[in-house]
Amino acid sequence: MIAALLVLFGVTVLVLAYVLRPLREDRSRGEGPARPALQAQYERVLGMLRDLETDWRTGKIPDEDYHELRRRYLEEGAALLRALQEENEAIDGKARVEAVEAAVQARRAQLRRKGS
């Protein structure tokens, strides 16, 4: 009876670890939850632009509608691209701060060794 409970507990822990793994991986790469969503939206807009172009070239969409929709999609894509770039800059800034902190710690350790 106890062995069965231990096996059940072990299987539960393994399943939870497997299910929660993507959440841990995102944190380890330094990406916030917004980055994948922004990337997905940006790719969606690019796909809509490609589809719009195809529909216009085949005559499914009139010129007036094409130009208006294209302008909207380009504005949305540009806004998403700016947001992605700001996210990258924030991640890069964090990495720079961490690198400086690591260098300071290394220098302190070196000075301590010399002083000893």
PDB file of N, CA and C in Angstrom:
ATOM      1  N   MET A   1       0.819  -1.190   0.000  1.00  0.00           N
ATOM      2  CA  MET A   1       0.000   0.000   0.000  1.00  0.00           C
ATOM      3  C   MET A   1       0.868   1.261   0.000  1.00  0.00           C
ATOM      4  N   ILE A   2       1.881   1.304   0.858  1.00  0.00           N
ATOM      5  CA  ILE A   2       2.758   2.475   0.934  1.00  0.00           C
ATOM      6  C   ILE A   2       3.581   2.600  -0.347  1.00  0.00           C
ATOM      7  N   ALA A   3       4.008   1.492  -0.896  1.00  0.00           N
ATOM      8  CA  ALA A   3       4.790   1.521  -2.133  1.00  0.00           C
ATOM      9  C   ALA A   3       3.961   2.106  -3.276  1.00  0.00           C
ATOM     10  N   ALA A   4       2.677   1.734  -3.324  1.00  0.00           N
ATOM     11  CA  ALA A   4       1.799   2.264  -4.368  1.00  0.00           C
ATOM     12  C   ALA A   4       1.631   3.772  -4.215  1.00  0.00           C
ATOM     13  N   LEU A   5       1.503   4.261  -2.991  1.00  0.00           N
ATOM     14  CA  LEU A   5       1.378   5.699  -2.747  1.00  0.00           C
ATOM     15  C   LEU A   5       2.656   6.437  -3.146  1.00  0.00           C
ATOM     16  N   LEU A   6       3.808   5.844  -2.840  1.00  0.00           N
ATOM     17  CA  LEU A   6       5.073   6.461  -3.220  1.00  0.00           C
ATOM     18  C   LEU A   6       5.230   6.536  -4.739  1.00  0.00           C
ATOM     19  N   VAL A   7       4.832   5.465  -5.416  1.00  0.00           N
ATOM     20  CA  VAL A   7       4.905   5.456  -6.877  1.00  0.00           C
ATOM     21  C   VAL A   7       3.955   6.508  -7.445  1.00  0.00           C
ATOM     22  N   LEU A   8       2.753   6.599  -6.922  1.00  0.00           N
ATOM     23  CA  LEU A   8       1.781   7.583  -7.371  1.00  0.00           C
ATOM     24  C   LEU A   8       2.302   9.004  -7.127  1.00  0.00           C
ATOM     25  N   PHE A   9       2.904   9.227  -5.972  1.00  0.00           N
ATOM     26  CA  PHE A   9       3.471  10.533  -5.658  1.00  0.00           C
ATOM     27  C   PHE A   9       4.613  10.869  -6.628  1.00  0.00           C
ATOM     28  N   GLY A  10       5.466   9.899  -6.902  1.00  0.00           N
ATOM     29  CA  GLY A  10       6.579  10.116  -7.829  1.00  0.00           C
ATOM     30  C   GLY A  10       6.106  10.453  -9.230  1.00  0.00           C
ATOM     31  N   VAL A  11       5.096   9.725  -9.701  1.00  0.00           N
ATOM     32  CA  VAL A  11       4.541   9.988 -11.028  1.00  0.00           C
ATOM     33  C   VAL A  11       3.922  11.385 -11.076  1.00  0.00           C
ATOM     34  N   THR A  12       3.240  11.776 -10.015  1.00  0.00           N
ATOM     35  CA  THR A  12       2.631  13.110  -9.949  1.00  0.00           C
ATOM     36  C   THR A  12       3.693  14.196 -10.026  1.00  0.00           C
ATOM     37  N   VAL A  13       4.777  14.033  -9.300  1.00  0.00           N
ATOM     38  CA  VAL A  13       5.864  15.011  -9.320  1.00  0.00           C
ATOM     39  C   VAL A  13       6.460  15.101 -10.721  1.00  0.00           C
ATOM     40  N   LEU A  14       6.687  13.964 -11.370  1.00  0.00           N
ATOM     41  CA  LEU A  14       7.248  13.972 -12.720  1.00  0.00           C
ATOM     42  C   LEU A  14       6.314  14.650 -13.718  1.00  0.00           C
ATOM     43  N   VAL A  15       5.033  14.387 -13.622  1.00  0.00           N
ATOM     44  CA  VAL A  15       4.064  15.013 -14.525  1.00  0.00           C
ATOM     45  C   VAL A  15       4.041  16.526 -14.305  1.00  0.00           C
ATOM     46  N   LEU A  16       4.034  16.956 -13.056  1.00  0.00           N
ATOM     47  CA  LEU A  16       4.049  18.392 -12.768  1.00  0.00           C
ATOM     48  C   LEU A  16       5.325  19.043 -13.287  1.00  0.00           C
ATOM     49  N   ALA A  17       6.448  18.394 -13.117  1.00  0.00           N
ATOM     50  CA  ALA A  17       7.712  18.947 -13.608  1.00  0.00           C
ATOM     51  C   ALA A  17       7.679  19.089 -15.127  1.00  0.00           C
ATOM     52  N   TYR A  18       7.108  18.101 -15.807  1.00  0.00           N
ATOM     53  CA  TYR A  18       7.014  18.149 -17.269  1.00  0.00           C
ATOM     54  C   TYR A  18       6.077  19.258 -17.727  1.00  0.00           C
ATOM     55  N   VAL A  19       4.940  19.385 -17.059  1.00  0.00           N
ATOM     56  CA  VAL A  19       3.944  20.390 -17.445  1.00  0.00           C
ATOM     57  C   VAL A  19       4.453  21.802 -17.170  1.00  0.00           C
ATOM     58  N   LEU A  20       5.174  22.002 -16.090  1.00  0.00           N
ATOM     59  CA  LEU A  20       5.638  23.334 -15.713  1.00  0.00           C
ATOM     60  C   LEU A  20       6.976  23.712 -16.334  1.00  0.00           C
ATOM     61  N   ARG A  21       7.610  22.813 -17.062  1.00  0.00           N
ATOM     62  CA  ARG A  21       8.914  23.075 -17.663  1.00  0.00           C
ATOM     63  C   ARG A  21       8.929  24.310 -18.564  1.00  0.00           C
ATOM     64  N   PRO A  22       7.944  24.541 -19.441  1.00  0.00           N
ATOM     65  CA  PRO A  22       8.002  25.744 -20.282  1.00  0.00           C
ATOM     66  C   PRO A  22       8.026  27.043 -19.474  1.00  0.00           C
ATOM     67  N   LEU A  23       7.380  27.068 -18.354  1.00  0.00           N
ATOM     68  CA  LEU A  23       7.396  28.276 -17.526  1.00  0.00           C
ATOM     69  C   LEU A  23       8.784  28.532 -16.963  1.00  0.00           C
ATOM     70  N   ARG A  24       9.456  27.488 -16.537  1.00  0.00           N
ATOM     71  CA  ARG A  24      10.815  27.641 -16.014  1.00  0.00           C
ATOM     72  C   ARG A  24      11.779  28.044 -17.111  1.00  0.00           C
ATOM     73  N   GLU A  25      11.635  27.499 -18.310  1.00  0.00           N
ATOM     74  CA  GLU A  25      12.540  27.810 -19.412  1.00  0.00           C
ATOM     75  C   GLU A  25      12.421  29.265 -19.818  1.00  0.00           C
ATOM     76  N   ASP A  26      11.216  29.837 -19.852  1.00  0.00           N
ATOM     77  CA  ASP A  26      11.044  31.241 -20.211  1.00  0.00           C
ATOM     78  C   ASP A  26      11.776  32.136 -19.235  1.00  0.00           C
ATOM     79  N   ARG A  27      11.700  31.831 -17.949  1.00  0.00           N
ATOM     80  CA  ARG A  27      12.388  32.645 -16.955  1.00  0.00           C
ATOM     81  C   ARG A  27      13.889  32.535 -17.093  1.00  0.00           C
ATOM     82  N   SER A  28      14.380  31.353 -17.418  1.00  0.00           N
ATOM     83  CA  SER A  28      15.826  31.172 -17.512  1.00  0.00           C
ATOM     84  C   SER A  28      16.402  31.902 -18.718  1.00  0.00           C
ATOM     85  N   ARG A  29      15.632  32.103 -19.760  1.00  0.00           N
ATOM     86  CA  ARG A  29      16.114  32.847 -20.918  1.00  0.00           C
ATOM     87  C   ARG A  29      15.961  34.343 -20.729  1.00  0.00           C
ATOM     88  N   GLY A  30      15.302  34.758 -19.672  1.00  0.00           N
ATOM     89  CA  GLY A  30      15.141  36.176 -19.421  1.00  0.00           C
ATOM     90  C   GLY A  30      13.971  36.785 -20.176  1.00  0.00           C
ATOM     91  N   GLU A  31      13.137  35.983 -20.781  1.00  0.00           N
ATOM     92  CA  GLU A  31      12.000  36.506 -21.510  1.00  0.00           C
ATOM     93  C   GLU A  31      10.806  36.608 -20.585  1.00  0.00           C
ATOM     94  N   GLY A  32      10.147  37.722 -20.656  1.00  0.00           N
ATOM     95  CA  GLY A  32       8.910  37.868 -19.901  1.00  0.00           C
ATOM     96  C   GLY A  32       7.787  37.202 -20.654  1.00  0.00           C
ATOM     97  N   PRO A  33       6.639  37.097 -20.027  1.00  0.00           N
ATOM     98  CA  PRO A  33       5.512  36.464 -20.703  1.00  0.00           C
ATOM     99  C   PRO A  33       5.015  37.272 -21.895  1.00  0.00           C
ATOM    100  N   ALA A  34       5.346  38.570 -21.970  1.00  0.00           N
ATOM    101  CA  ALA A  34       4.850  39.409 -23.056  1.00  0.00           C
ATOM    102  C   ALA A  34       5.572  39.113 -24.367  1.00  0.00           C
ATOM    103  N   ARG A  35       6.827  38.747 -24.321  1.00  0.00           N
ATOM    104  CA  ARG A  35       7.612  38.566 -25.543  1.00  0.00           C
ATOM    105  C   ARG A  35       7.037  37.510 -26.490  1.00  0.00           C
ATOM    106  N   PRO A  36       6.735  36.310 -26.029  1.00  0.00           N
ATOM    107  CA  PRO A  36       6.159  35.329 -26.962  1.00  0.00           C
ATOM    108  C   PRO A  36       4.814  35.790 -27.543  1.00  0.00           C
ATOM    109  N   ALA A  37       4.013  36.464 -26.731  1.00  0.00           N
ATOM    110  CA  ALA A  37       2.725  36.953 -27.229  1.00  0.00           C
ATOM    111  C   ALA A  37       2.932  38.036 -28.283  1.00  0.00           C
ATOM    112  N   LEU A  38       3.866  38.945 -28.037  1.00  0.00           N
ATOM    113  CA  LEU A  38       4.168  39.996 -29.021  1.00  0.00           C
ATOM    114  C   LEU A  38       4.681  39.386 -30.317  1.00  0.00           C
ATOM    115  N   GLN A  39       5.567  38.402 -30.199  1.00  0.00           N
ATOM    116  CA  GLN A  39       6.119  37.753 -31.381  1.00  0.00           C
ATOM    117  C   GLN A  39       5.009  37.066 -32.184  1.00  0.00           C
ATOM    118  N   ALA A  40       4.094  36.404 -31.500  1.00  0.00           N
ATOM    119  CA  ALA A  40       2.988  35.724 -32.179  1.00  0.00           C
ATOM    120  C   ALA A  40       2.085  36.731 -32.891  1.00  0.00           C
ATOM    121  N   GLN A  41       1.804  37.848 -32.242  1.00  0.00           N
ATOM    122  CA  GLN A  41       0.971  38.880 -32.873  1.00  0.00           C
ATOM    123  C   GLN A  41       1.668  39.464 -34.096  1.00  0.00           C
ATOM    124  N   TYR A  42       2.969  39.713 -33.974  1.00  0.00           N
ATOM    125  CA  TYR A  42       3.734  40.271 -35.089  1.00  0.00           C
ATOM    126  C   TYR A  42       3.706  39.315 -36.281  1.00  0.00           C
ATOM    127  N   GLU A  43       3.916  38.033 -36.022  1.00  0.00           N
ATOM    128  CA  GLU A  43       3.891  37.046 -37.104  1.00  0.00           C
ATOM    129  C   GLU A  43       2.503  36.931 -37.722  1.00  0.00           C
ATOM    130  N   ARG A  44       1.470  37.084 -36.886  1.00  0.00           N
ATOM    131  CA  ARG A  44       0.096  37.056 -37.399  1.00  0.00           C
ATOM    132  C   ARG A  44      -0.130  38.219 -38.363  1.00  0.00           C
ATOM    133  N   VAL A  45       0.337  39.413 -37.999  1.00  0.00           N
ATOM    134  CA  VAL A  45       0.170  40.591 -38.856  1.00  0.00           C
ATOM    135  C   VAL A  45       0.933  40.401 -40.168  1.00  0.00           C
ATOM    136  N   LEU A  46       2.143  39.840 -40.098  1.00  0.00           N
ATOM    137  CA  LEU A  46       2.893  39.582 -41.330  1.00  0.00           C
ATOM    138  C   LEU A  46       2.135  38.620 -42.248  1.00  0.00           C
ATOM    139  N   GLY A  47       1.530  37.616 -41.652  1.00  0.00           N
ATOM    140  CA  GLY A  47       0.721  36.675 -42.436  1.00  0.00           C
ATOM    141  C   GLY A  47      -0.482  37.357 -43.063  1.00  0.00           C
ATOM    142  N   MET A  48      -1.112  38.248 -42.311  1.00  0.00           N
ATOM    143  CA  MET A  48      -2.265  38.979 -42.851  1.00  0.00           C
ATOM    144  C   MET A  48      -1.833  39.873 -44.014  1.00  0.00           C
ATOM    145  N   LEU A  49      -0.662  40.483 -43.900  1.00  0.00           N
ATOM    146  CA  LEU A  49      -0.156  41.307 -45.005  1.00  0.00           C
ATOM    147  C   LEU A  49       0.106  40.464 -46.251  1.00  0.00           C
ATOM    148  N   ARG A  50       0.695  39.280 -46.061  1.00  0.00           N
ATOM    149  CA  ARG A  50       0.945  38.391 -47.212  1.00  0.00           C
ATOM    150  C   ARG A  50      -0.369  37.967 -47.860  1.00  0.00           C
ATOM    151  N   ASP A  51      -1.349  37.598 -47.031  1.00  0.00           N
ATOM    152  CA  ASP A  51      -2.648  37.185 -47.565  1.00  0.00           C
ATOM    153  C   ASP A  51      -3.339  38.338 -48.287  1.00  0.00           C
ATOM    154  N   LEU A  52      -3.243  39.528 -47.715  1.00  0.00           N
ATOM    155  CA  LEU A  52      -3.849  40.706 -48.332  1.00  0.00           C
ATOM    156  C   LEU A  52      -3.229  40.969 -49.699  1.00  0.00           C
ATOM    157  N   GLU A  53      -1.912  40.881 -49.773  1.00  0.00           N
ATOM    158  CA  GLU A  53      -1.205  41.094 -51.042  1.00  0.00           C
ATOM    159  C   GLU A  53      -1.668  40.087 -52.092  1.00  0.00           C
ATOM    160  N   THR A  54      -1.773  38.827 -51.684  1.00  0.00           N
ATOM    161  CA  THR A  54      -2.213  37.777 -52.607  1.00  0.00           C
ATOM    162  C   THR A  54      -3.635  38.037 -53.080  1.00  0.00           C
ATOM    163  N   ASP A  55      -4.521  38.380 -52.143  1.00  0.00           N
ATOM    164  CA  ASP A  55      -5.917  38.645 -52.507  1.00  0.00           C
ATOM    165  C   ASP A  55      -6.029  39.849 -53.449  1.00  0.00           C
ATOM    166  N   TRP A  56      -5.213  40.861 -53.230  1.00  0.00           N
ATOM    167  CA  TRP A  56      -5.259  42.048 -54.085  1.00  0.00           C
ATOM    168  C   TRP A  56      -4.746  41.726 -55.498  1.00  0.00           C
ATOM    169  N   ARG A  57      -3.645  40.957 -55.538  1.00  0.00           N
ATOM    170  CA  ARG A  57      -3.083  40.611 -56.851  1.00  0.00           C
ATOM    171  C   ARG A  57      -4.023  39.734 -57.667  1.00  0.00           C
ATOM    172  N   THR A  58      -4.822  38.904 -57.003  1.00  0.00           N
ATOM    173  CA  THR A  58      -5.758  38.028 -57.723  1.00  0.00           C
ATOM    174  C   THR A  58      -7.091  38.709 -57.986  1.00  0.00           C
ATOM    175  N   GLY A  59      -7.233  39.968 -57.541  1.00  0.00           N
ATOM    176  CA  GLY A  59      -8.447  40.730 -57.829  1.00  0.00           C
ATOM    177  C   GLY A  59      -9.587  40.495 -56.863  1.00  0.00           C
ATOM    178  N   LYS A  60      -9.330  39.854 -55.743  1.00  0.00           N
ATOM    179  CA  LYS A  60     -10.384  39.594 -54.762  1.00  0.00           C
ATOM    180  C   LYS A  60     -10.715  40.823 -53.932  1.00  0.00           C
ATOM    181  N   ILE A  61      -9.781  41.776 -53.868  1.00  0.00           N
ATOM    182  CA  ILE A  61      -9.967  42.973 -53.044  1.00  0.00           C
ATOM    183  C   ILE A  61      -9.785  44.199 -53.935  1.00  0.00           C
ATOM    184  N   PRO A  62     -10.712  45.172 -53.866  1.00  0.00           N
ATOM    185  CA  PRO A  62     -10.548  46.410 -54.650  1.00  0.00           C
ATOM    186  C   PRO A  62      -9.373  47.245 -54.149  1.00  0.00           C
ATOM    187  N   ASP A  63      -8.861  48.109 -55.012  1.00  0.00           N
ATOM    188  CA  ASP A  63      -7.699  48.930 -54.679  1.00  0.00           C
ATOM    189  C   ASP A  63      -7.906  49.759 -53.415  1.00  0.00           C
ATOM    190  N   GLU A  64      -9.077  50.385 -53.277  1.00  0.00           N
ATOM    191  CA  GLU A  64      -9.321  51.248 -52.115  1.00  0.00           C
ATOM    192  C   GLU A  64      -9.234  50.459 -50.817  1.00  0.00           C
ATOM    193  N   ASP A  65      -9.866  49.298 -50.790  1.00  0.00           N
ATOM    194  CA  ASP A  65      -9.836  48.462 -49.591  1.00  0.00           C
ATOM    195  C   ASP A  65      -8.425  47.960 -49.309  1.00  0.00           C
ATOM    196  N   TYR A  66      -7.713  47.582 -50.374  1.00  0.00           N
ATOM    197  CA  TYR A  66      -6.353  47.078 -50.225  1.00  0.00           C
ATOM    198  C   TYR A  66      -5.468  48.126 -49.561  1.00  0.00           C
ATOM    199  N   HIS A  67      -5.486  49.334 -50.064  1.00  0.00           N
ATOM    200  CA  HIS A  67      -4.608  50.374 -49.535  1.00  0.00           C
ATOM    201  C   HIS A  67      -4.934  50.710 -48.081  1.00  0.00           C
ATOM    202  N   GLU A  68      -6.215  50.759 -47.744  1.00  0.00           N
ATOM    203  CA  GLU A  68      -6.620  51.051 -46.359  1.00  0.00           C
ATOM    204  C   GLU A  68      -6.205  49.915 -45.416  1.00  0.00           C
ATOM    205  N   LEU A  69      -6.484  48.674 -45.793  1.00  0.00           N
ATOM    206  CA  LEU A  69      -6.110  47.535 -44.956  1.00  0.00           C
ATOM    207  C   LEU A  69      -4.594  47.416 -44.829  1.00  0.00           C
ATOM    208  N   ARG A  70      -3.887  47.645 -45.917  1.00  0.00           N
ATOM    209  CA  ARG A  70      -2.429  47.564 -45.891  1.00  0.00           C
ATOM    210  C   ARG A  70      -1.858  48.611 -44.926  1.00  0.00           C
ATOM    211  N   ARG A  71      -2.394  49.822 -44.973  1.00  0.00           N
ATOM    212  CA  ARG A  71      -1.940  50.877 -44.068  1.00  0.00           C
ATOM    213  C   ARG A  71      -2.164  50.467 -42.615  1.00  0.00           C
ATOM    214  N   ARG A  72      -3.348  49.930 -42.304  1.00  0.00           N
ATOM    215  CA  ARG A  72      -3.660  49.500 -40.926  1.00  0.00           C
ATOM    216  C   ARG A  72      -2.723  48.393 -40.460  1.00  0.00           C
ATOM    217  N   TYR A  73      -2.540  47.389 -41.320  1.00  0.00           N
ATOM    218  CA  TYR A  73      -1.676  46.265 -40.948  1.00  0.00           C
ATOM    219  C   TYR A  73      -0.228  46.715 -40.766  1.00  0.00           C
ATOM    220  N   LEU A  74       0.236  47.629 -41.627  1.00  0.00           N
ATOM    221  CA  LEU A  74       1.601  48.132 -41.493  1.00  0.00           C
ATOM    222  C   LEU A  74       1.767  48.909 -40.187  1.00  0.00           C
ATOM    223  N   GLU A  75       0.784  49.714 -39.819  1.00  0.00           N
ATOM    224  CA  GLU A  75       0.850  50.457 -38.556  1.00  0.00           C
ATOM    225  C   GLU A  75       0.868  49.504 -37.368  1.00  0.00           C
ATOM    226  N   GLU A  76       0.006  48.493 -37.423  1.00  0.00           N
ATOM    227  CA  GLU A  76      -0.028  47.515 -36.331  1.00  0.00           C
ATOM    228  C   GLU A  76       1.289  46.752 -36.251  1.00  0.00           C
ATOM    229  N   GLY A  77       1.823  46.340 -37.392  1.00  0.00           N
ATOM    230  CA  GLY A  77       3.092  45.627 -37.417  1.00  0.00           C
ATOM    231  C   GLY A  77       4.236  46.487 -36.901  1.00  0.00           C
ATOM    232  N   ALA A  78       4.232  47.774 -37.268  1.00  0.00           N
ATOM    233  CA  ALA A  78       5.289  48.673 -36.804  1.00  0.00           C
ATOM    234  C   ALA A  78       5.220  48.853 -35.287  1.00  0.00           C
ATOM    235  N   ALA A  79       4.015  48.980 -34.752  1.00  0.00           N
ATOM    236  CA  ALA A  79       3.858  49.123 -33.300  1.00  0.00           C
ATOM    237  C   ALA A  79       4.337  47.868 -32.576  1.00  0.00           C
ATOM    238  N   LEU A  80       4.002  46.707 -33.108  1.00  0.00           N
ATOM    239  CA  LEU A  80       4.448  45.449 -32.498  1.00  0.00           C
ATOM    240  C   LEU A  80       5.964  45.301 -32.592  1.00  0.00           C
ATOM    241  N   LEU A  81       6.540  45.695 -33.709  1.00  0.00           N
ATOM    242  CA  LEU A  81       7.988  45.617 -33.869  1.00  0.00           C
ATOM    243  C   LEU A  81       8.692  46.543 -32.875  1.00  0.00           C
ATOM    244  N   ARG A  82       8.152  47.745 -32.686  1.00  0.00           N
ATOM    245  CA  ARG A  82       8.727  48.661 -31.694  1.00  0.00           C
ATOM    246  C   ARG A  82       8.667  48.044 -30.293  1.00  0.00           C
ATOM    247  N   ALA A  83       7.530  47.429 -29.962  1.00  0.00           N
ATOM    248  CA  ALA A  83       7.382  46.800 -28.644  1.00  0.00           C
ATOM    249  C   ALA A  83       8.382  45.657 -28.472  1.00  0.00           C
ATOM    250  N   LEU A  84       8.589  44.865 -29.526  1.00  0.00           N
ATOM    251  CA  LEU A  84       9.563  43.778 -29.464  1.00  0.00           C
ATOM    252  C   LEU A  84      10.978  44.320 -29.289  1.00  0.00           C
ATOM    253  N   GLN A  85      11.298  45.398 -29.985  1.00  0.00           N
ATOM    254  CA  GLN A  85      12.626  45.993 -29.848  1.00  0.00           C
ATOM    255  C   GLN A  85      12.836  46.557 -28.451  1.00  0.00           C
ATOM    256  N   GLU A  86      11.794  47.182 -27.882  1.00  0.00           N
ATOM    257  CA  GLU A  86      11.902  47.693 -26.513  1.00  0.00           C
ATOM    258  C   GLU A  86      12.104  46.549 -25.530  1.00  0.00           C
ATOM    259  N   GLU A  87      11.425  45.446 -25.762  1.00  0.00           N
ATOM    260  CA  GLU A  87      11.589  44.258 -24.917  1.00  0.00           C
ATOM    261  C   GLU A  87      13.027  43.742 -25.014  1.00  0.00           C
ATOM    262  N   ASN A  88      13.573  43.708 -26.233  1.00  0.00           N
ATOM    263  CA  ASN A  88      14.967  43.276 -26.421  1.00  0.00           C
ATOM    264  C   ASN A  88      15.926  44.202 -25.700  1.00  0.00           C
ATOM    265  N   GLU A  89      15.684  45.511 -25.795  1.00  0.00           N
ATOM    266  CA  GLU A  89      16.560  46.475 -25.130  1.00  0.00           C
ATOM    267  C   GLU A  89      16.509  46.304 -23.617  1.00  0.00           C
ATOM    268  N   ALA A  90      15.317  46.006 -23.093  1.00  0.00           N
ATOM    269  CA  ALA A  90      15.187  45.790 -21.649  1.00  0.00           C
ATOM    270  C   ALA A  90      15.973  44.553 -21.227  1.00  0.00           C
ATOM    271  N   ILE A  91      15.887  43.499 -22.033  1.00  0.00           N
ATOM    272  CA  ILE A  91      16.620  42.263 -21.724  1.00  0.00           C
ATOM    273  C   ILE A  91      18.118  42.525 -21.831  1.00  0.00           C
ATOM    274  N   ASP A  92      18.542  43.238 -22.893  1.00  0.00           N
ATOM    275  CA  ASP A  92      19.962  43.548 -23.059  1.00  0.00           C
ATOM    276  C   ASP A  92      20.464  44.416 -21.916  1.00  0.00           C
ATOM    277  N   GLY A  93      19.659  45.396 -21.495  1.00  0.00           N
ATOM    278  CA  GLY A  93      20.042  46.259 -20.382  1.00  0.00           C
ATOM    279  C   GLY A  93      20.223  45.471 -19.106  1.00  0.00           C
ATOM    280  N   LYS A  94      19.327  44.525 -18.878  1.00  0.00           N
ATOM    281  CA  LYS A  94      19.431  43.679 -17.684  1.00  0.00           C
ATOM    282  C   LYS A  94      20.710  42.839 -17.740  1.00  0.00           C
ATOM    283  N   ALA A  95      21.029  42.317 -18.912  1.00  0.00           N
ATOM    284  CA  ALA A  95      22.243  41.505 -19.067  1.00  0.00           C
ATOM    285  C   ALA A  95      23.489  42.358 -18.830  1.00  0.00           C
ATOM    286  N   ARG A  96      23.470  43.608 -19.298  1.00  0.00           N
ATOM    287  CA  ARG A  96      24.619  44.488 -19.072  1.00  0.00           C
ATOM    288  C   ARG A  96      24.800  44.772 -17.589  1.00  0.00           C
ATOM    289  N   VAL A  97      23.690  45.037 -16.890  1.00  0.00           N
ATOM    290  CA  VAL A  97      23.766  45.304 -15.450  1.00  0.00           C
ATOM    291  C   VAL A  97      24.326  44.081 -14.727  1.00  0.00           C
ATOM    292  N   GLU A  98      23.850  42.885 -15.100  1.00  0.00           N
ATOM    293  CA  GLU A  98      24.340  41.664 -14.475  1.00  0.00           C
ATOM    294  C   GLU A  98      25.829  41.457 -14.760  1.00  0.00           C
ATOM    295  N   ALA A  99      26.272  41.807 -15.966  1.00  0.00           N
ATOM    296  CA  ALA A  99      27.689  41.659 -16.308  1.00  0.00           C
ATOM    297  C   ALA A  99      28.545  42.616 -15.480  1.00  0.00           C
ATOM    298  N   VAL A 100      28.075  43.842 -15.299  1.00  0.00           N
ATOM    299  CA  VAL A 100      28.828  44.805 -14.489  1.00  0.00           C
ATOM    300  C   VAL A 100      28.882  44.341 -13.041  1.00  0.00           C
ATOM    301  N   GLU A 101      27.754  43.858 -12.523  1.00  0.00           N
ATOM    302  CA  GLU A 101      27.739  43.368 -11.141  1.00  0.00           C
ATOM    303  C   GLU A 101      28.700  42.191 -10.967  1.00  0.00           C
ATOM    304  N   ALA A 102      28.743  41.306 -11.946  1.00  0.00           N
ATOM    305  CA  ALA A 102      29.663  40.163 -11.878  1.00  0.00           C
ATOM    306  C   ALA A 102      31.116  40.635 -11.906  1.00  0.00           C
ATOM    307  N   ALA A 103      31.412  41.645 -12.726  1.00  0.00           N
ATOM    308  CA  ALA A 103      32.772  42.178 -12.786  1.00  0.00           C
ATOM    309  C   ALA A 103      33.162  42.823 -11.461  1.00  0.00           C
ATOM    310  N   VAL A 104      32.227  43.534 -10.833  1.00  0.00           N
ATOM    311  CA  VAL A 104      32.500  44.166  -9.539  1.00  0.00           C
ATOM    312  C   VAL A 104      32.771  43.097  -8.488  1.00  0.00           C
ATOM    313  N   GLN A 105      31.975  42.069  -8.471  1.00  0.00           N
ATOM    314  CA  GLN A 105      32.179  40.979  -7.510  1.00  0.00           C
ATOM    315  C   GLN A 105      33.530  40.298  -7.734  1.00  0.00           C
ATOM    316  N   ALA A 106      33.892  40.081  -8.990  1.00  0.00           N
ATOM    317  CA  ALA A 106      35.182  39.452  -9.293  1.00  0.00           C
ATOM    318  C   ALA A 106      36.333  40.338  -8.828  1.00  0.00           C
ATOM    319  N   ARG A 107      36.204  41.645  -9.054  1.00  0.00           N
ATOM    320  CA  ARG A 107      37.258  42.572  -8.613  1.00  0.00           C
ATOM    321  C   ARG A 107      37.363  42.587  -7.094  1.00  0.00           C
ATOM    322  N   ARG A 108      36.235  42.582  -6.403  1.00  0.00           N
ATOM    323  CA  ARG A 108      36.258  42.548  -4.936  1.00  0.00           C
ATOM    324  C   ARG A 108      36.945  41.284  -4.435  1.00  0.00           C
ATOM    325  N   ALA A 109      36.630  40.159  -5.059  1.00  0.00           N
ATOM    326  CA  ALA A 109      37.252  38.890  -4.661  1.00  0.00           C
ATOM    327  C   ALA A 109      38.760  38.942  -4.906  1.00  0.00           C
ATOM    328  N   GLN A 110      39.171  39.526  -6.021  1.00  0.00           N
ATOM    329  CA  GLN A 110      40.591  39.649  -6.334  1.00  0.00           C
ATOM    330  C   GLN A 110      41.299  40.535  -5.301  1.00  0.00           C
ATOM    331  N   LEU A 111      40.658  41.639  -4.922  1.00  0.00           N
ATOM    332  CA  LEU A 111      41.248  42.529  -3.926  1.00  0.00           C
ATOM    333  C   LEU A 111      41.345  41.857  -2.567  1.00  0.00           C
ATOM    334  N   ARG A 112      40.346  41.052  -2.218  1.00  0.00           N
ATOM    335  CA  ARG A 112      40.378  40.330  -0.945  1.00  0.00           C
ATOM    336  C   ARG A 112      41.542  39.339  -0.907  1.00  0.00           C
ATOM    337  N   ARG A 113      41.768  38.658  -2.037  1.00  0.00           N
ATOM    338  CA  ARG A 113      42.869  37.688  -2.111  1.00  0.00           C
ATOM    339  C   ARG A 113      44.211  38.403  -1.976  1.00  0.00           C
ATOM    340  N   LYS A 114      44.354  39.556  -2.592  1.00  0.00           N
ATOM    341  CA  LYS A 114      45.606  40.317  -2.488  1.00  0.00           C
ATOM    342  C   LYS A 114      45.822  40.822  -1.071  1.00  0.00           C
ATOM    343  N   GLY A 115      44.724  41.215  -0.410  1.00  0.00           N
ATOM    344  CA  GLY A 115      44.804  41.745   0.940  1.00  0.00           C
ATOM    345  C   GLY A 115      45.076  40.671   1.991  1.00  0.00           C
ATOM    346  N   SER A 116      44.776  39.434   1.661  1.00  0.00           N
ATOM    347  CA  SER A 116      44.951  38.355   2.645  1.00  0.00           C
ATOM    348  C   SER A 116      46.363  37.961   2.848  1.00  0.00           C
TER     349      SER A 116
END
